[in-house]
Amino acid sequence: MPEYINAILFDMGGTLRRATDREFSEKVQICKQIQELAGSAADPEDFTHLLTTRAKTYQKWAKLNS
């Protein structure tokens, strides 16, 4: 029986796990693995840039609203 992914959880701010600094190329490889599991055909570098941009935007918002 195939397994299906119902959700992907992104831990913002280290609530569940301490954040790890990674090189961009390593982030791309991790995103590629996530995309393969989810069946996504999007470019892993584009996805990594998108996540990085959104994480930075969230961090700015969180600092302003804390």
C-alpha atoms as a PDB file:
ATOM      1  CA  MET A   1       0.000   0.000   0.000  1.00  0.00           C
ATOM      2  CA  PRO A   2       1.485   3.404  -0.928  1.00  0.00           C
ATOM      3  CA  GLU A   3       2.012   5.936   1.823  1.00  0.00           C
ATOM      4  CA  TYR A   4       0.684   9.440   1.299  1.00  0.00           C
ATOM      5  CA  ILE A   5       1.893  12.628   2.934  1.00  0.00           C
ATOM      6  CA  ASN A   6      -0.965  14.557   4.494  1.00  0.00           C
ATOM      7  CA  ALA A   7       1.100  17.462   5.818  1.00  0.00           C
ATOM      8  CA  ILE A   8       4.616  18.804   6.152  1.00  0.00           C
ATOM      9  CA  LEU A   9       5.454  20.673   9.341  1.00  0.00           C
ATOM     10  CA  PHE A  10       8.014  23.471   9.230  1.00  0.00           C
ATOM     11  CA  ASP A  11       9.301  24.270  12.723  1.00  0.00           C
ATOM     12  CA  MET A  12       9.626  28.047  12.897  1.00  0.00           C
ATOM     13  CA  GLY A  13      11.762  29.406  15.708  1.00  0.00           C
ATOM     14  CA  GLY A  14      13.005  26.087  17.062  1.00  0.00           C
ATOM     15  CA  THR A  15       9.873  25.104  18.981  1.00  0.00           C
ATOM     16  CA  LEU A  16      10.310  21.394  18.283  1.00  0.00           C
ATOM     17  CA  ARG A  17      13.998  21.237  17.453  1.00  0.00           C
ATOM     18  CA  ARG A  18      17.012  23.530  17.639  1.00  0.00           C
ATOM     19  CA  ALA A  19      17.791  25.240  14.344  1.00  0.00           C
ATOM     20  CA  THR A  20      20.922  24.207  12.438  1.00  0.00           C
ATOM     21  CA  ASP A  21      22.861  26.569  10.186  1.00  0.00           C
ATOM     22  CA  ARG A  22      23.377  24.967   6.788  1.00  0.00           C
ATOM     23  CA  GLU A  23      25.022  25.908   3.512  1.00  0.00           C
ATOM     24  CA  PHE A  24      22.617  26.710   0.669  1.00  0.00           C
ATOM     25  CA  SER A  25      23.665  23.583  -1.255  1.00  0.00           C
ATOM     26  CA  GLU A  26      22.785  21.397   1.737  1.00  0.00           C
ATOM     27  CA  LYS A  27      19.403  23.116   2.055  1.00  0.00           C
ATOM     28  CA  VAL A  28      18.757  22.406  -1.630  1.00  0.00           C
ATOM     29  CA  GLN A  29      19.468  18.696  -1.097  1.00  0.00           C
ATOM     30  CA  ILE A  30      17.089  18.569   1.874  1.00  0.00           C
ATOM     31  CA  CYS A  31      14.378  20.374  -0.103  1.00  0.00           C
ATOM     32  CA  LYS A  32      14.921  17.974  -2.994  1.00  0.00           C
ATOM     33  CA  GLN A  33      14.329  15.022  -0.655  1.00  0.00           C
ATOM     34  CA  ILE A  34      11.144  16.622   0.693  1.00  0.00           C
ATOM     35  CA  GLN A  35       9.926  17.286  -2.847  1.00  0.00           C
ATOM     36  CA  GLU A  36      10.645  13.708  -3.932  1.00  0.00           C
ATOM     37  CA  LEU A  37       8.602  12.394  -0.995  1.00  0.00           C
ATOM     38  CA  ALA A  38       5.770  14.775  -1.864  1.00  0.00           C
ATOM     39  CA  GLY A  39       5.931  14.031  -5.600  1.00  0.00           C
ATOM     40  CA  SER A  40       6.751  17.626  -6.519  1.00  0.00           C
ATOM     41  CA  ALA A  41       8.468  18.377  -9.819  1.00  0.00           C
ATOM     42  CA  ALA A  42       9.387  21.982  -8.903  1.00  0.00           C
ATOM     43  CA  ASP A  43      13.009  23.124  -9.026  1.00  0.00           C
ATOM     44  CA  PRO A  44      14.628  22.416  -5.611  1.00  0.00           C
ATOM     45  CA  GLU A  45      16.705  25.619  -5.777  1.00  0.00           C
ATOM     46  CA  ASP A  46      13.589  27.720  -6.408  1.00  0.00           C
ATOM     47  CA  PHE A  47      11.811  25.962  -3.530  1.00  0.00           C
ATOM     48  CA  THR A  48      14.798  26.576  -1.240  1.00  0.00           C
ATOM     49  CA  HIS A  49      14.872  30.274  -2.171  1.00  0.00           C
ATOM     50  CA  LEU A  50      11.132  30.506  -1.507  1.00  0.00           C
ATOM     51  CA  LEU A  51      11.422  28.885   1.928  1.00  0.00           C
ATOM     52  CA  THR A  52      14.424  31.045   2.851  1.00  0.00           C
ATOM     53  CA  THR A  53      12.633  34.241   1.818  1.00  0.00           C
ATOM     54  CA  ARG A  54       9.490  33.315   3.719  1.00  0.00           C
ATOM     55  CA  ALA A  55      11.487  32.330   6.822  1.00  0.00           C
ATOM     56  CA  LYS A  56      13.254  35.707   6.831  1.00  0.00           C
ATOM     57  CA  THR A  57       9.928  37.505   6.409  1.00  0.00           C
ATOM     58  CA  TYR A  58       8.468  35.503   9.298  1.00  0.00           C
ATOM     59  CA  GLN A  59      11.476  36.287  11.517  1.00  0.00           C
ATOM     60  CA  LYS A  60      11.061  40.027  10.873  1.00  0.00           C
ATOM     61  CA  TRP A  61       7.335  39.806  11.603  1.00  0.00           C
ATOM     62  CA  ALA A  62       7.920  37.797  14.787  1.00  0.00           C
ATOM     63  CA  LYS A  63      10.438  40.336  16.129  1.00  0.00           C
ATOM     64  CA  LEU A  64       8.049  43.218  15.459  1.00  0.00           C
ATOM     65  CA  ASN A  65       5.173  41.404  17.163  1.00  0.00           C
ATOM     66  CA  SER A  66       6.892  39.977  20.232  1.00  0.00           C
END
